[in-house]
Amino acid sequence: MAKLRQVCRHIRSKNAGPFWVTIDLFFDGTDNYQKYRDSEVLGAATFASLYGTDPQLVKRFAIDRLNTVKISFVRTSAQGGVIERDMHAGQHYVRLLDLEMN
C-alpha cells in the first residue's frame, strides 16, 4: 500500500489565520490525484484523530487543474497561545507523511 509521501510531489502546511491550519497535497500526477482525491483516508475523521480538531469543521477542496487537495481545519488553540508549539503551522504536515492510502 502506498504512503501519502509516495503519491505526492509536495506536501505543506501553513497558517490560515489565527484559528485555522491548511494542508496542501500536491499529487505527483493526474492518475494519483484522481485515485486519492476523494479517499476517506484524507477525510475529516483522520484529521480529527491526528490533530484533535472537530471533524465537522474540516474542509476539503479539490483543485483539479493543479492535481491538488487542500484541507483546512480548526486549530485546537489560537495561534500564539500559551500551548502553541508551531506558531506558523509549518510542521503540521509531518503527521500525514506515512498515512497508508487505499
N, C-alpha and C. Protein backbone atom coordinates (compact mmCIF):
# COMPACT_ATOMS: atom_id res chain seq x y z
N MET A 1 0.84 -1.18 0.00
CA MET A 1 0.00 0.00 0.00
C MET A 1 0.90 1.25 0.00
N ALA A 2 0.57 2.21 -0.83
CA ALA A 2 1.36 3.44 -0.95
C ALA A 2 1.11 4.37 0.24
N LYS A 3 2.15 5.08 0.62
CA LYS A 3 2.02 6.10 1.66
C LYS A 3 1.81 7.45 0.98
N LEU A 4 1.22 8.37 1.72
CA LEU A 4 0.93 9.69 1.15
C LEU A 4 2.19 10.33 0.59
N ARG A 5 3.31 10.21 1.28
CA ARG A 5 4.57 10.80 0.81
C ARG A 5 5.01 10.25 -0.54
N GLN A 6 4.54 9.05 -0.91
CA GLN A 6 4.94 8.43 -2.16
C GLN A 6 4.06 8.84 -3.34
N VAL A 7 2.90 9.40 -3.07
CA VAL A 7 1.99 9.76 -4.16
C VAL A 7 1.87 11.27 -4.36
N CYS A 8 2.56 12.03 -3.50
CA CYS A 8 2.57 13.49 -3.62
C CYS A 8 3.98 13.96 -3.94
N ARG A 9 4.09 14.97 -4.76
CA ARG A 9 5.40 15.54 -5.04
C ARG A 9 5.77 16.59 -3.99
N HIS A 10 4.75 17.12 -3.31
CA HIS A 10 4.99 18.12 -2.28
C HIS A 10 3.80 18.13 -1.32
N ILE A 11 4.10 18.25 -0.04
CA ILE A 11 3.07 18.36 0.99
C ILE A 11 3.49 19.51 1.90
N ARG A 12 2.58 20.44 2.15
CA ARG A 12 2.94 21.56 3.03
C ARG A 12 1.77 21.91 3.93
N SER A 13 2.12 22.54 5.05
CA SER A 13 1.10 23.04 5.96
C SER A 13 1.44 24.48 6.29
N LYS A 14 0.39 25.24 6.61
CA LYS A 14 0.60 26.66 6.88
C LYS A 14 -0.60 27.23 7.63
N ASN A 15 -0.40 28.42 8.15
CA ASN A 15 -1.49 29.15 8.78
C ASN A 15 -2.58 29.46 7.77
N ALA A 16 -3.77 29.49 8.28
CA ALA A 16 -4.89 30.02 7.50
C ALA A 16 -5.62 30.99 8.43
N GLY A 17 -4.84 31.84 9.03
CA GLY A 17 -5.36 32.76 10.04
C GLY A 17 -5.04 32.23 11.43
N PRO A 18 -5.40 32.95 12.47
CA PRO A 18 -5.03 32.55 13.83
C PRO A 18 -5.80 31.35 14.37
N PHE A 19 -6.84 30.92 13.68
CA PHE A 19 -7.67 29.83 14.19
C PHE A 19 -7.72 28.60 13.29
N TRP A 20 -7.10 28.67 12.12
CA TRP A 20 -7.17 27.58 11.14
C TRP A 20 -5.78 27.20 10.65
N VAL A 21 -5.65 25.94 10.22
CA VAL A 21 -4.46 25.42 9.56
C VAL A 21 -4.90 24.87 8.21
N THR A 22 -4.07 25.04 7.20
CA THR A 22 -4.33 24.48 5.87
C THR A 22 -3.19 23.56 5.48
N ILE A 23 -3.54 22.42 4.94
CA ILE A 23 -2.55 21.48 4.42
C ILE A 23 -2.82 21.31 2.93
N ASP A 24 -1.76 21.46 2.14
CA ASP A 24 -1.86 21.32 0.69
C ASP A 24 -1.15 20.05 0.26
N LEU A 25 -1.86 19.21 -0.51
CA LEU A 25 -1.31 17.96 -1.02
C LEU A 25 -1.19 18.09 -2.53
N PHE A 26 0.03 18.22 -3.02
CA PHE A 26 0.29 18.34 -4.45
C PHE A 26 0.64 16.95 -4.97
N PHE A 27 -0.32 16.29 -5.60
CA PHE A 27 -0.10 14.93 -6.09
C PHE A 27 0.87 14.93 -7.26
N ASP A 28 1.56 13.81 -7.44
CA ASP A 28 2.62 13.73 -8.44
C ASP A 28 2.12 13.47 -9.86
N GLY A 29 0.84 13.54 -10.07
CA GLY A 29 0.29 13.37 -11.41
C GLY A 29 -1.21 13.19 -11.36
N THR A 30 -1.81 13.24 -12.51
CA THR A 30 -3.26 13.14 -12.62
C THR A 30 -3.78 11.79 -12.12
N ASP A 31 -3.05 10.71 -12.43
CA ASP A 31 -3.52 9.38 -12.02
C ASP A 31 -3.64 9.26 -10.50
N ASN A 32 -2.59 9.63 -9.79
CA ASN A 32 -2.65 9.54 -8.32
C ASN A 32 -3.65 10.55 -7.75
N TYR A 33 -3.74 11.71 -8.33
CA TYR A 33 -4.70 12.70 -7.87
C TYR A 33 -6.12 12.14 -7.97
N GLN A 34 -6.47 11.61 -9.12
CA GLN A 34 -7.82 11.09 -9.31
C GLN A 34 -8.09 9.87 -8.43
N LYS A 35 -7.07 9.08 -8.20
CA LYS A 35 -7.22 7.88 -7.38
C LYS A 35 -7.46 8.22 -5.92
N TYR A 36 -6.80 9.26 -5.40
CA TYR A 36 -6.83 9.54 -3.96
C TYR A 36 -7.59 10.82 -3.58
N ARG A 37 -8.01 11.59 -4.54
CA ARG A 37 -8.68 12.87 -4.27
C ARG A 37 -9.82 12.75 -3.27
N ASP A 38 -10.63 11.74 -3.41
CA ASP A 38 -11.81 11.58 -2.56
C ASP A 38 -11.65 10.48 -1.51
N SER A 39 -10.43 10.06 -1.26
CA SER A 39 -10.17 8.98 -0.32
C SER A 39 -10.61 9.33 1.09
N GLU A 40 -11.22 8.37 1.77
CA GLU A 40 -11.62 8.55 3.16
C GLU A 40 -10.40 8.71 4.07
N VAL A 41 -9.25 8.23 3.62
CA VAL A 41 -8.03 8.41 4.41
C VAL A 41 -7.75 9.90 4.60
N LEU A 42 -8.17 10.71 3.67
CA LEU A 42 -7.99 12.16 3.76
C LEU A 42 -9.27 12.85 4.25
N GLY A 43 -10.09 12.09 4.94
CA GLY A 43 -11.36 12.61 5.42
C GLY A 43 -11.28 13.26 6.79
N ALA A 44 -12.39 13.79 7.23
CA ALA A 44 -12.48 14.52 8.49
C ALA A 44 -12.09 13.67 9.69
N ALA A 45 -12.42 12.39 9.67
CA ALA A 45 -12.10 11.52 10.81
C ALA A 45 -10.59 11.42 11.02
N THR A 46 -9.84 11.36 9.94
CA THR A 46 -8.38 11.29 10.05
C THR A 46 -7.83 12.54 10.69
N PHE A 47 -8.32 13.69 10.26
CA PHE A 47 -7.80 14.95 10.81
C PHE A 47 -8.25 15.17 12.25
N ALA A 48 -9.43 14.70 12.58
CA ALA A 48 -9.88 14.78 13.97
C ALA A 48 -8.99 13.92 14.85
N SER A 49 -8.64 12.74 14.38
CA SER A 49 -7.79 11.83 15.13
C SER A 49 -6.36 12.36 15.28
N LEU A 50 -5.79 12.84 14.19
CA LEU A 50 -4.39 13.28 14.21
C LEU A 50 -4.18 14.64 14.88
N TYR A 51 -5.15 15.53 14.73
CA TYR A 51 -4.94 16.91 15.19
C TYR A 51 -5.90 17.35 16.29
N GLY A 52 -6.80 16.47 16.72
CA GLY A 52 -7.72 16.80 17.80
C GLY A 52 -8.71 17.89 17.45
N THR A 53 -9.03 18.02 16.18
CA THR A 53 -9.96 19.05 15.73
C THR A 53 -11.38 18.50 15.62
N ASP A 54 -12.34 19.36 15.52
CA ASP A 54 -13.73 18.97 15.34
C ASP A 54 -13.93 18.48 13.91
N PRO A 55 -14.32 17.22 13.71
CA PRO A 55 -14.46 16.71 12.34
C PRO A 55 -15.50 17.45 11.51
N GLN A 56 -16.46 18.08 12.16
CA GLN A 56 -17.48 18.82 11.41
C GLN A 56 -16.93 20.12 10.82
N LEU A 57 -15.77 20.54 11.30
CA LEU A 57 -15.17 21.78 10.81
C LEU A 57 -13.99 21.56 9.88
N VAL A 58 -13.77 20.31 9.47
CA VAL A 58 -12.72 20.01 8.49
C VAL A 58 -13.28 20.27 7.10
N LYS A 59 -12.54 21.04 6.31
CA LYS A 59 -12.98 21.37 4.95
C LYS A 59 -11.96 20.84 3.95
N ARG A 60 -12.46 20.22 2.89
CA ARG A 60 -11.58 19.67 1.85
C ARG A 60 -11.97 20.27 0.51
N PHE A 61 -10.95 20.74 -0.20
CA PHE A 61 -11.15 21.35 -1.51
C PHE A 61 -10.28 20.63 -2.52
N ALA A 62 -10.86 20.18 -3.61
CA ALA A 62 -10.11 19.55 -4.69
C ALA A 62 -9.90 20.60 -5.79
N ILE A 63 -8.65 20.74 -6.21
CA ILE A 63 -8.31 21.69 -7.26
C ILE A 63 -7.79 20.88 -8.45
N ASP A 64 -8.72 20.51 -9.32
CA ASP A 64 -8.43 19.57 -10.40
C ASP A 64 -7.30 20.01 -11.32
N ARG A 65 -7.30 21.25 -11.73
CA ARG A 65 -6.29 21.68 -12.71
C ARG A 65 -4.88 21.71 -12.15
N LEU A 66 -4.74 21.64 -10.81
CA LEU A 66 -3.43 21.62 -10.17
C LEU A 66 -3.09 20.26 -9.55
N ASN A 67 -4.00 19.29 -9.68
CA ASN A 67 -3.81 17.98 -9.04
C ASN A 67 -3.52 18.13 -7.56
N THR A 68 -4.28 18.99 -6.91
CA THR A 68 -4.03 19.35 -5.52
C THR A 68 -5.29 19.22 -4.67
N VAL A 69 -5.10 18.77 -3.45
CA VAL A 69 -6.17 18.75 -2.46
C VAL A 69 -5.74 19.66 -1.32
N LYS A 70 -6.63 20.55 -0.94
CA LYS A 70 -6.38 21.48 0.17
C LYS A 70 -7.33 21.10 1.28
N ILE A 71 -6.78 20.91 2.48
CA ILE A 71 -7.60 20.53 3.64
C ILE A 71 -7.35 21.56 4.74
N SER A 72 -8.43 22.14 5.24
CA SER A 72 -8.32 23.13 6.30
C SER A 72 -9.08 22.64 7.53
N PHE A 73 -8.52 22.94 8.69
CA PHE A 73 -9.17 22.53 9.93
C PHE A 73 -8.88 23.55 11.03
N VAL A 74 -9.73 23.53 12.04
CA VAL A 74 -9.63 24.47 13.15
C VAL A 74 -8.51 24.02 14.08
N ARG A 75 -7.69 24.97 14.51
CA ARG A 75 -6.65 24.69 15.49
C ARG A 75 -7.28 24.36 16.83
N THR A 76 -6.58 23.59 17.64
CA THR A 76 -7.09 23.28 18.98
C THR A 76 -6.93 24.46 19.92
N SER A 77 -6.00 25.36 19.60
CA SER A 77 -5.84 26.61 20.35
C SER A 77 -5.41 27.69 19.37
N ALA A 78 -5.69 28.91 19.68
CA ALA A 78 -5.37 30.01 18.78
C ALA A 78 -3.86 30.14 18.58
N GLN A 79 -3.49 30.62 17.40
CA GLN A 79 -2.08 30.86 17.09
C GLN A 79 -1.46 31.78 18.14
N GLY A 80 -0.28 31.41 18.61
CA GLY A 80 0.42 32.23 19.58
C GLY A 80 -0.04 32.02 21.01
N GLY A 81 -0.93 31.06 21.23
CA GLY A 81 -1.42 30.79 22.58
C GLY A 81 -0.34 30.17 23.46
N VAL A 82 -0.64 30.02 24.71
CA VAL A 82 0.32 29.51 25.69
C VAL A 82 0.86 28.13 25.33
N ILE A 83 0.02 27.26 24.78
CA ILE A 83 0.46 25.91 24.46
C ILE A 83 0.91 25.74 23.00
N GLU A 84 0.99 26.82 22.27
CA GLU A 84 1.38 26.77 20.85
C GLU A 84 2.81 26.23 20.71
N ARG A 85 2.99 25.25 19.83
CA ARG A 85 4.31 24.68 19.58
C ARG A 85 4.79 24.94 18.17
N ASP A 86 3.90 25.31 17.28
CA ASP A 86 4.27 25.56 15.88
C ASP A 86 3.43 26.74 15.40
N MET A 87 3.86 27.91 15.73
CA MET A 87 3.07 29.12 15.51
C MET A 87 2.65 29.32 14.06
N HIS A 88 3.48 28.90 13.13
CA HIS A 88 3.16 29.11 11.71
C HIS A 88 2.58 27.86 11.05
N ALA A 89 2.40 26.80 11.83
CA ALA A 89 1.83 25.53 11.35
C ALA A 89 2.67 24.88 10.25
N GLY A 90 3.92 25.27 10.16
CA GLY A 90 4.79 24.77 9.11
C GLY A 90 5.21 23.31 9.24
N GLN A 91 4.99 22.71 10.41
CA GLN A 91 5.39 21.32 10.61
C GLN A 91 4.19 20.39 10.82
N HIS A 92 3.01 20.90 10.70
CA HIS A 92 1.81 20.07 10.92
C HIS A 92 1.69 18.94 9.89
N TYR A 93 2.22 19.11 8.72
CA TYR A 93 2.10 18.12 7.65
C TYR A 93 2.79 16.80 7.99
N VAL A 94 3.78 16.81 8.87
CA VAL A 94 4.61 15.64 9.14
C VAL A 94 3.77 14.43 9.57
N ARG A 95 2.73 14.65 10.32
CA ARG A 95 1.87 13.55 10.79
C ARG A 95 1.20 12.80 9.64
N LEU A 96 1.12 13.42 8.48
CA LEU A 96 0.42 12.82 7.34
C LEU A 96 1.32 11.98 6.44
N LEU A 97 2.61 12.16 6.52
CA LEU A 97 3.53 11.56 5.56
C LEU A 97 3.40 10.04 5.44
N ASP A 98 3.18 9.36 6.52
CA ASP A 98 3.11 7.91 6.48
C ASP A 98 1.70 7.34 6.46
N LEU A 99 0.72 8.17 6.16
CA LEU A 99 -0.65 7.65 6.00
C LEU A 99 -0.68 6.64 4.86
N GLU A 100 -1.27 5.50 5.12
CA GLU A 100 -1.39 4.50 4.07
C GLU A 100 -2.64 4.78 3.26
N MET A 101 -2.43 4.98 1.98
CA MET A 101 -3.53 5.32 1.07
C MET A 101 -4.16 4.06 0.53
N ASN A 102 -5.48 4.10 0.36
CA ASN A 102 -6.17 2.95 -0.22
C ASN A 102 -7.14 3.40 -1.27
